Protein backbone atom coordinates (compact mmCIF):
# COMPACT_ATOMS: atom_id res chain seq x y z
CA MET A 1 76.58 34.70 31.55
CA ILE A 2 78.07 31.43 30.34
CA ASN A 3 81.12 31.59 28.07
CA LEU A 4 81.65 29.73 24.82
CA GLU A 5 83.91 27.04 26.27
CA LYS A 6 81.50 26.26 29.11
CA ALA A 7 78.60 26.02 26.65
CA ILE A 8 80.54 23.57 24.45
CA GLU A 9 81.56 21.57 27.53
CA GLY A 10 77.98 21.46 28.87
CA MET A 11 76.61 20.45 25.49
CA GLY A 12 79.14 17.63 25.21
CA ASP A 13 78.25 16.43 28.70
CA ALA A 14 74.53 16.35 27.88
CA GLN A 15 75.23 14.50 24.63
CA ASN A 16 77.36 11.94 26.42
CA LYS A 17 74.66 11.36 29.02
CA LEU A 18 72.14 10.78 26.23
CA ARG A 19 74.52 8.22 24.72
CA ASP A 20 74.86 6.39 28.03
CA ALA A 21 73.15 3.00 28.40
CA THR A 22 70.91 4.28 31.22
CA ALA A 23 69.37 6.88 28.91
CA ILE A 24 68.21 4.31 26.35
CA ASN A 25 65.22 3.21 28.41
CA SER A 26 64.73 6.11 30.80
CA PRO A 27 62.30 8.83 29.72
CA THR A 28 63.39 10.86 32.77
CA VAL A 29 67.07 10.84 31.81
CA ILE A 30 66.22 11.53 28.18
CA SER A 31 63.98 14.42 29.13
CA GLU A 32 66.50 16.02 31.49
CA GLN A 33 69.45 15.70 29.14
CA MET A 34 67.43 16.71 26.09
CA MET A 35 66.44 19.90 27.90
CA ARG A 36 70.06 20.59 28.90
CA LEU A 37 71.23 19.91 25.37
CA SER A 38 68.68 22.25 23.84
CA GLN A 39 69.63 25.01 26.28
CA TYR A 40 73.32 24.69 25.47
CA ALA A 41 72.60 24.49 21.74
CA GLY A 42 70.59 27.71 22.03
CA ILE A 43 73.46 29.41 23.82
CA LEU A 44 75.90 28.25 21.15
CA ASP A 45 73.51 29.49 18.46
CA SER A 46 73.71 32.95 20.04
CA PHE A 47 77.51 32.87 20.11
CA LEU A 48 77.52 31.65 16.52
CA ALA A 49 75.26 34.48 15.36
CA GLU A 50 77.54 37.05 16.98
CA ILE A 51 80.69 35.52 15.45
CA GLU A 52 79.04 35.38 12.01
CA LYS A 53 78.01 39.02 12.31
CA GLU A 54 81.55 40.08 13.25
CA TYR A 55 83.00 37.98 10.44
CA GLU A 56 80.79 39.61 7.81
CA ILE A 57 81.60 43.11 9.08
CA LYS A 58 85.36 42.40 9.11
CA LEU A 59 85.22 40.75 5.68
CA SER A 60 83.45 43.75 4.16
CA ALA A 61 85.86 46.19 5.80
CA LYS A 62 88.90 44.28 4.53
CA ILE A 63 87.54 44.03 0.99
CA LEU A 64 86.79 47.75 1.03
CA GLU A 65 90.27 48.47 2.33
CA TYR A 66 91.92 46.46 -0.45
CA THR A 67 89.72 47.78 -3.28
CA LYS A 68 89.91 51.40 -2.16
CA ASP A 69 91.63 53.65 -4.64
CA GLY A 70 91.86 50.77 -7.13
CA GLU A 71 94.65 49.04 -5.19
CA MET A 72 93.12 45.62 -5.96
CA LYS A 73 90.23 44.29 -7.98
CA PHE A 74 87.29 42.87 -6.06
CA SER A 75 87.92 39.15 -6.60
CA PRO A 76 91.56 39.12 -5.42
CA ALA A 77 90.63 41.44 -2.54
CA GLU A 78 87.83 39.08 -1.51
CA THR A 79 90.14 36.06 -1.71
CA ARG A 80 92.85 37.76 0.34
CA SER A 81 90.32 38.94 2.93
CA LYS A 82 88.85 35.46 3.30
CA MET A 83 92.32 33.99 3.71
CA GLU A 84 93.08 36.50 6.47
CA LEU A 85 89.82 35.65 8.24
CA ALA A 86 90.12 31.88 7.75
CA GLU A 87 90.49 31.18 11.47
CA THR A 88 87.21 32.93 12.23
CA LYS A 89 85.50 31.16 9.34
CA GLY A 90 86.81 27.84 10.68
CA GLN A 91 85.32 28.61 14.08
CA ILE A 92 81.99 29.43 12.42
CA LEU A 93 81.98 26.13 10.56
CA TYR A 94 82.96 24.19 13.70
CA LEU A 95 80.23 25.77 15.82
CA THR A 96 77.68 25.32 13.03
CA ARG A 97 78.44 21.59 13.01
CA LEU A 98 78.21 21.31 16.80
CA VAL A 99 74.89 23.15 16.94
CA GLY A 100 73.44 21.18 14.02
CA SER A 101 74.46 17.91 15.60
CA ALA A 102 72.93 18.93 18.93
CA TRP A 103 69.58 19.81 17.36
CA LYS A 104 69.54 16.50 15.50
CA GLN A 105 70.20 14.67 18.75
CA VAL A 106 67.39 16.61 20.45
CA GLY A 107 65.04 15.47 17.66
CA VAL A 108 66.08 11.84 17.96
CA SER A 109 65.76 12.05 21.75
CA GLN A 110 62.24 13.44 21.43
CA SER A 111 61.31 10.53 19.19
CA ARG A 112 62.78 8.02 21.65
CA TRP A 113 61.04 9.72 24.58
CA ASN A 114 57.69 9.56 22.73
CA HIS A 115 58.27 5.90 21.85
CA LEU A 116 59.04 4.97 25.46
CA ASN A 117 55.97 6.80 26.74
CA THR A 118 53.72 5.15 24.15
CA GLU A 119 55.23 1.78 24.97
CA SER A 120 54.66 2.26 28.72
CA ARG A 121 50.97 3.09 28.14
CA THR A 122 50.41 -0.02 26.01
CA ASN A 123 52.07 -2.28 28.61
CA LEU A 124 49.62 -1.32 31.34
């Protein structure tokens, strides 16, 4: 199974190849890199879902720990818990941005691919 770093690296590589000048007019390059990009984005989505799940479980456990026996009221306990889990939340936000950007680029690539194929049929 591919790890998180390799998935991010592969996604970046596919995005860079789509940004390359050769991809602009090549349906083959667009198609290949769009497929790679969507695969890596899907992998990152899975990692993201797992990290979000773990974050929510840890957040709930910390809030419960701090509010148990009336040690803290809910709002301060929630704030403290979120502060303690800020690094994980930052990773969630970062990965969410990467995945969202990748899916947008897949959509734009599909449009470009369709345009090039339509254009090639009309030039026959």
